[in-house]
Amino acid sequence: MTKVEFIISLDRLSESSRQEAELKAKEAYIMTLLKYGEISSGKAGKLLGISRLEVLELMAKYDLSPFDDSMTFDEFQAEVNQAKIKLGVMN
């Protein structure tokens, strides 16, 4: 397990601005981990306490594709075919 902490010394900081800054920092950190494939979108949602749909919306905000861009067309087609088989829609 990895624990991430950092310290920023500030003289005065309201509780509301501190909480918002911490949330935004956590969000950006998790989106960066997601960008580099260190965590899944499901894990990102759990860490942030949000739904998968909210994760997708956040990914759009950070300009992250919900698709694995490293896949070849043939690999992608194989995944589509597997999904069709599982859903029972294979012709």
N, C-alpha and C. Protein backbone atom coordinates (compact mmCIF):
# COMPACT_ATOMS: atom_id res chain seq x y z
N MET A 1 0.85 -1.18 0.00
CA MET A 1 0.00 0.00 0.00
C MET A 1 0.89 1.24 0.00
N THR A 2 0.53 2.19 -0.82
CA THR A 2 1.26 3.45 -0.91
C THR A 2 0.41 4.54 -0.27
N LYS A 3 1.03 5.31 0.60
CA LYS A 3 0.37 6.44 1.23
C LYS A 3 1.06 7.70 0.74
N VAL A 4 0.27 8.66 0.27
CA VAL A 4 0.82 9.90 -0.28
C VAL A 4 0.46 11.06 0.65
N GLU A 5 1.47 11.81 1.04
CA GLU A 5 1.26 12.99 1.87
C GLU A 5 2.21 14.08 1.41
N PHE A 6 1.79 15.32 1.55
CA PHE A 6 2.69 16.43 1.34
C PHE A 6 2.28 17.57 2.25
N ILE A 7 3.22 18.44 2.54
CA ILE A 7 2.98 19.54 3.47
C ILE A 7 3.21 20.86 2.75
N ILE A 8 2.26 21.76 2.91
CA ILE A 8 2.38 23.11 2.40
C ILE A 8 2.14 24.04 3.59
N SER A 9 3.10 24.86 3.90
CA SER A 9 2.98 25.78 5.03
C SER A 9 2.33 27.08 4.59
N LEU A 10 1.20 27.39 5.20
CA LEU A 10 0.48 28.63 4.94
C LEU A 10 0.10 29.26 6.27
N ASP A 11 0.16 30.57 6.34
CA ASP A 11 -0.17 31.26 7.59
C ASP A 11 -1.65 31.13 7.94
N ARG A 12 -2.49 31.54 7.03
CA ARG A 12 -3.94 31.51 7.29
C ARG A 12 -4.64 30.80 6.15
N LEU A 13 -5.54 29.93 6.53
CA LEU A 13 -6.29 29.19 5.53
C LEU A 13 -7.63 28.81 6.13
N SER A 14 -8.70 29.21 5.47
CA SER A 14 -10.02 28.84 5.99
C SER A 14 -10.23 27.34 5.82
N GLU A 15 -11.08 26.80 6.65
CA GLU A 15 -11.37 25.36 6.60
C GLU A 15 -11.98 24.97 5.26
N SER A 16 -12.88 25.78 4.74
CA SER A 16 -13.53 25.45 3.47
C SER A 16 -12.54 25.46 2.31
N SER A 17 -11.63 26.44 2.27
CA SER A 17 -10.66 26.46 1.17
C SER A 17 -9.64 25.33 1.32
N ARG A 18 -9.30 24.97 2.54
CA ARG A 18 -8.38 23.85 2.77
C ARG A 18 -9.01 22.55 2.27
N GLN A 19 -10.28 22.34 2.63
CA GLN A 19 -10.97 21.12 2.21
C GLN A 19 -11.09 21.05 0.69
N GLU A 20 -11.44 22.15 0.05
CA GLU A 20 -11.57 22.16 -1.41
C GLU A 20 -10.23 21.89 -2.07
N ALA A 21 -9.16 22.52 -1.56
CA ALA A 21 -7.82 22.32 -2.13
C ALA A 21 -7.38 20.87 -1.99
N GLU A 22 -7.65 20.27 -0.84
CA GLU A 22 -7.28 18.86 -0.62
C GLU A 22 -8.05 17.95 -1.57
N LEU A 23 -9.33 18.22 -1.76
CA LEU A 23 -10.15 17.41 -2.67
C LEU A 23 -9.64 17.53 -4.11
N LYS A 24 -9.33 18.74 -4.54
CA LYS A 24 -8.83 18.96 -5.90
C LYS A 24 -7.46 18.29 -6.09
N ALA A 25 -6.60 18.35 -5.07
CA ALA A 25 -5.29 17.72 -5.16
C ALA A 25 -5.44 16.20 -5.26
N LYS A 26 -6.34 15.63 -4.46
CA LYS A 26 -6.59 14.18 -4.49
C LYS A 26 -7.14 13.78 -5.86
N GLU A 27 -8.08 14.57 -6.36
CA GLU A 27 -8.68 14.32 -7.66
C GLU A 27 -7.62 14.31 -8.76
N ALA A 28 -6.77 15.33 -8.78
CA ALA A 28 -5.73 15.43 -9.80
C ALA A 28 -4.74 14.27 -9.69
N TYR A 29 -4.38 13.90 -8.48
CA TYR A 29 -3.45 12.79 -8.26
C TYR A 29 -4.04 11.48 -8.80
N ILE A 30 -5.29 11.23 -8.47
CA ILE A 30 -5.95 9.99 -8.91
C ILE A 30 -6.12 9.98 -10.43
N MET A 31 -6.47 11.11 -11.02
CA MET A 31 -6.60 11.17 -12.48
C MET A 31 -5.25 10.95 -13.17
N THR A 32 -4.18 11.40 -12.55
CA THR A 32 -2.84 11.16 -13.11
C THR A 32 -2.50 9.68 -13.05
N LEU A 33 -2.82 9.03 -11.93
CA LEU A 33 -2.59 7.58 -11.83
C LEU A 33 -3.41 6.83 -12.88
N LEU A 34 -4.64 7.27 -13.09
CA LEU A 34 -5.50 6.66 -14.10
C LEU A 34 -4.93 6.87 -15.50
N LYS A 35 -4.44 8.05 -15.77
CA LYS A 35 -3.84 8.38 -17.07
C LYS A 35 -2.71 7.43 -17.43
N TYR A 36 -1.89 7.09 -16.46
CA TYR A 36 -0.74 6.22 -16.71
C TYR A 36 -1.03 4.74 -16.47
N GLY A 37 -2.30 4.41 -16.28
CA GLY A 37 -2.68 3.02 -16.15
C GLY A 37 -2.29 2.38 -14.83
N GLU A 38 -2.01 3.18 -13.82
CA GLU A 38 -1.62 2.65 -12.51
C GLU A 38 -2.83 2.13 -11.74
N ILE A 39 -4.00 2.70 -12.04
CA ILE A 39 -5.25 2.26 -11.42
C ILE A 39 -6.33 2.21 -12.48
N SER A 40 -7.41 1.50 -12.19
CA SER A 40 -8.55 1.41 -13.10
C SER A 40 -9.54 2.53 -12.81
N SER A 41 -10.48 2.74 -13.70
CA SER A 41 -11.51 3.74 -13.46
C SER A 41 -12.39 3.35 -12.28
N GLY A 42 -12.59 2.05 -12.11
CA GLY A 42 -13.35 1.58 -10.95
C GLY A 42 -12.65 1.91 -9.63
N LYS A 43 -11.34 1.70 -9.61
CA LYS A 43 -10.55 2.03 -8.42
C LYS A 43 -10.56 3.54 -8.19
N ALA A 44 -10.48 4.33 -9.26
CA ALA A 44 -10.53 5.78 -9.14
C ALA A 44 -11.84 6.21 -8.49
N GLY A 45 -12.93 5.62 -8.94
CA GLY A 45 -14.23 5.93 -8.36
C GLY A 45 -14.30 5.60 -6.89
N LYS A 46 -13.76 4.44 -6.52
CA LYS A 46 -13.77 4.05 -5.10
C LYS A 46 -12.93 5.01 -4.27
N LEU A 47 -11.76 5.37 -4.77
CA LEU A 47 -10.88 6.29 -4.03
C LEU A 47 -11.51 7.67 -3.86
N LEU A 48 -12.26 8.10 -4.87
CA LEU A 48 -12.88 9.42 -4.81
C LEU A 48 -14.29 9.39 -4.22
N GLY A 49 -14.83 8.18 -4.05
CA GLY A 49 -16.18 8.06 -3.50
C GLY A 49 -17.25 8.54 -4.46
N ILE A 50 -17.04 8.27 -5.77
CA ILE A 50 -17.99 8.70 -6.79
C ILE A 50 -18.37 7.53 -7.69
N SER A 51 -19.44 7.69 -8.45
CA SER A 51 -19.92 6.63 -9.35
C SER A 51 -19.05 6.53 -10.59
N ARG A 52 -19.24 5.44 -11.35
CA ARG A 52 -18.50 5.26 -12.61
C ARG A 52 -18.83 6.38 -13.60
N LEU A 53 -20.09 6.79 -13.63
CA LEU A 53 -20.49 7.87 -14.53
C LEU A 53 -19.75 9.16 -14.15
N GLU A 54 -19.66 9.43 -12.87
CA GLU A 54 -18.94 10.62 -12.42
C GLU A 54 -17.45 10.53 -12.74
N VAL A 55 -16.90 9.31 -12.69
CA VAL A 55 -15.49 9.11 -13.07
C VAL A 55 -15.32 9.45 -14.55
N LEU A 56 -16.24 8.98 -15.38
CA LEU A 56 -16.17 9.27 -16.82
C LEU A 56 -16.26 10.77 -17.08
N GLU A 57 -17.13 11.46 -16.35
CA GLU A 57 -17.24 12.91 -16.49
C GLU A 57 -15.94 13.60 -16.07
N LEU A 58 -15.35 13.11 -14.99
CA LEU A 58 -14.09 13.67 -14.51
C LEU A 58 -12.96 13.39 -15.49
N MET A 59 -12.97 12.19 -16.08
CA MET A 59 -11.96 11.86 -17.09
C MET A 59 -12.05 12.82 -18.27
N ALA A 60 -13.26 13.16 -18.68
CA ALA A 60 -13.45 14.12 -19.77
C ALA A 60 -12.87 15.47 -19.38
N LYS A 61 -13.09 15.88 -18.14
CA LYS A 61 -12.55 17.14 -17.65
C LYS A 61 -11.03 17.16 -17.71
N TYR A 62 -10.40 16.02 -17.46
CA TYR A 62 -8.94 15.91 -17.48
C TYR A 62 -8.43 15.45 -18.86
N ASP A 63 -9.32 15.41 -19.84
CA ASP A 63 -8.99 15.02 -21.21
C ASP A 63 -8.38 13.62 -21.29
N LEU A 64 -8.98 12.69 -20.53
CA LEU A 64 -8.54 11.29 -20.54
C LEU A 64 -9.55 10.46 -21.30
N SER A 65 -9.08 9.62 -22.18
CA SER A 65 -9.95 8.74 -22.94
C SER A 65 -10.40 7.57 -22.07
N PRO A 66 -11.68 7.20 -22.15
CA PRO A 66 -12.13 6.04 -21.41
C PRO A 66 -11.74 4.72 -22.08
N PHE A 67 -11.08 4.82 -23.23
CA PHE A 67 -10.69 3.63 -23.98
C PHE A 67 -9.19 3.40 -23.87
N ASP A 68 -8.78 2.15 -23.98
CA ASP A 68 -7.37 1.79 -23.96
C ASP A 68 -6.79 2.11 -25.33
N ASP A 69 -6.10 3.24 -25.44
CA ASP A 69 -5.55 3.68 -26.72
C ASP A 69 -4.38 2.84 -27.21
N SER A 70 -3.88 1.94 -26.37
CA SER A 70 -2.75 1.12 -26.77
C SER A 70 -3.19 -0.14 -27.53
N MET A 71 -4.50 -0.39 -27.57
CA MET A 71 -5.00 -1.59 -28.25
C MET A 71 -4.95 -1.42 -29.77
N THR A 72 -4.64 -2.53 -30.43
CA THR A 72 -4.73 -2.54 -31.89
C THR A 72 -6.20 -2.72 -32.27
N PHE A 73 -6.51 -2.48 -33.53
CA PHE A 73 -7.88 -2.67 -33.99
C PHE A 73 -8.32 -4.11 -33.79
N ASP A 74 -7.44 -5.07 -34.10
CA ASP A 74 -7.78 -6.48 -33.95
C ASP A 74 -8.06 -6.85 -32.48
N GLU A 75 -7.27 -6.29 -31.56
CA GLU A 75 -7.50 -6.55 -30.13
C GLU A 75 -8.84 -5.96 -29.69
N PHE A 76 -9.12 -4.76 -30.17
CA PHE A 76 -10.39 -4.11 -29.84
C PHE A 76 -11.56 -4.93 -30.40
N GLN A 77 -11.44 -5.37 -31.64
CA GLN A 77 -12.49 -6.17 -32.26
C GLN A 77 -12.71 -7.47 -31.50
N ALA A 78 -11.64 -8.09 -31.02
CA ALA A 78 -11.76 -9.32 -30.23
C ALA A 78 -12.53 -9.05 -28.94
N GLU A 79 -12.28 -7.91 -28.30
CA GLU A 79 -13.02 -7.57 -27.09
C GLU A 79 -14.50 -7.33 -27.39
N VAL A 80 -14.78 -6.66 -28.50
CA VAL A 80 -16.17 -6.43 -28.90
C VAL A 80 -16.87 -7.77 -29.13
N ASN A 81 -16.19 -8.69 -29.82
CA ASN A 81 -16.77 -10.01 -30.08
C ASN A 81 -17.03 -10.77 -28.79
N GLN A 82 -16.11 -10.68 -27.83
CA GLN A 82 -16.28 -11.34 -26.53
C GLN A 82 -17.50 -10.77 -25.81
N ALA A 83 -17.66 -9.45 -25.86
CA ALA A 83 -18.81 -8.81 -25.23
C ALA A 83 -20.11 -9.28 -25.88
N LYS A 84 -20.11 -9.39 -27.20
CA LYS A 84 -21.30 -9.85 -27.92
C LYS A 84 -21.65 -11.27 -27.52
N ILE A 85 -20.64 -12.13 -27.38
CA ILE A 85 -20.88 -13.51 -26.97
C ILE A 85 -21.50 -13.53 -25.58
N LYS A 86 -20.95 -12.76 -24.64
CA LYS A 86 -21.45 -12.73 -23.27
C LYS A 86 -22.86 -12.18 -23.21
N LEU A 87 -23.18 -11.24 -24.10
CA LEU A 87 -24.52 -10.65 -24.13
C LEU A 87 -25.50 -11.48 -24.96
N GLY A 88 -24.98 -12.48 -25.66
CA GLY A 88 -25.83 -13.33 -26.47
C GLY A 88 -26.33 -12.68 -27.74
N VAL A 89 -25.55 -11.75 -28.30
CA VAL A 89 -25.96 -11.05 -29.52
C VAL A 89 -25.04 -11.37 -30.69
N MET A 90 -24.28 -12.42 -30.58
CA MET A 90 -23.35 -12.79 -31.66
C MET A 90 -24.14 -13.44 -32.79
N ASN A 91 -23.96 -12.95 -34.00
CA ASN A 91 -24.68 -13.49 -35.17
C ASN A 91 -23.91 -14.62 -35.78
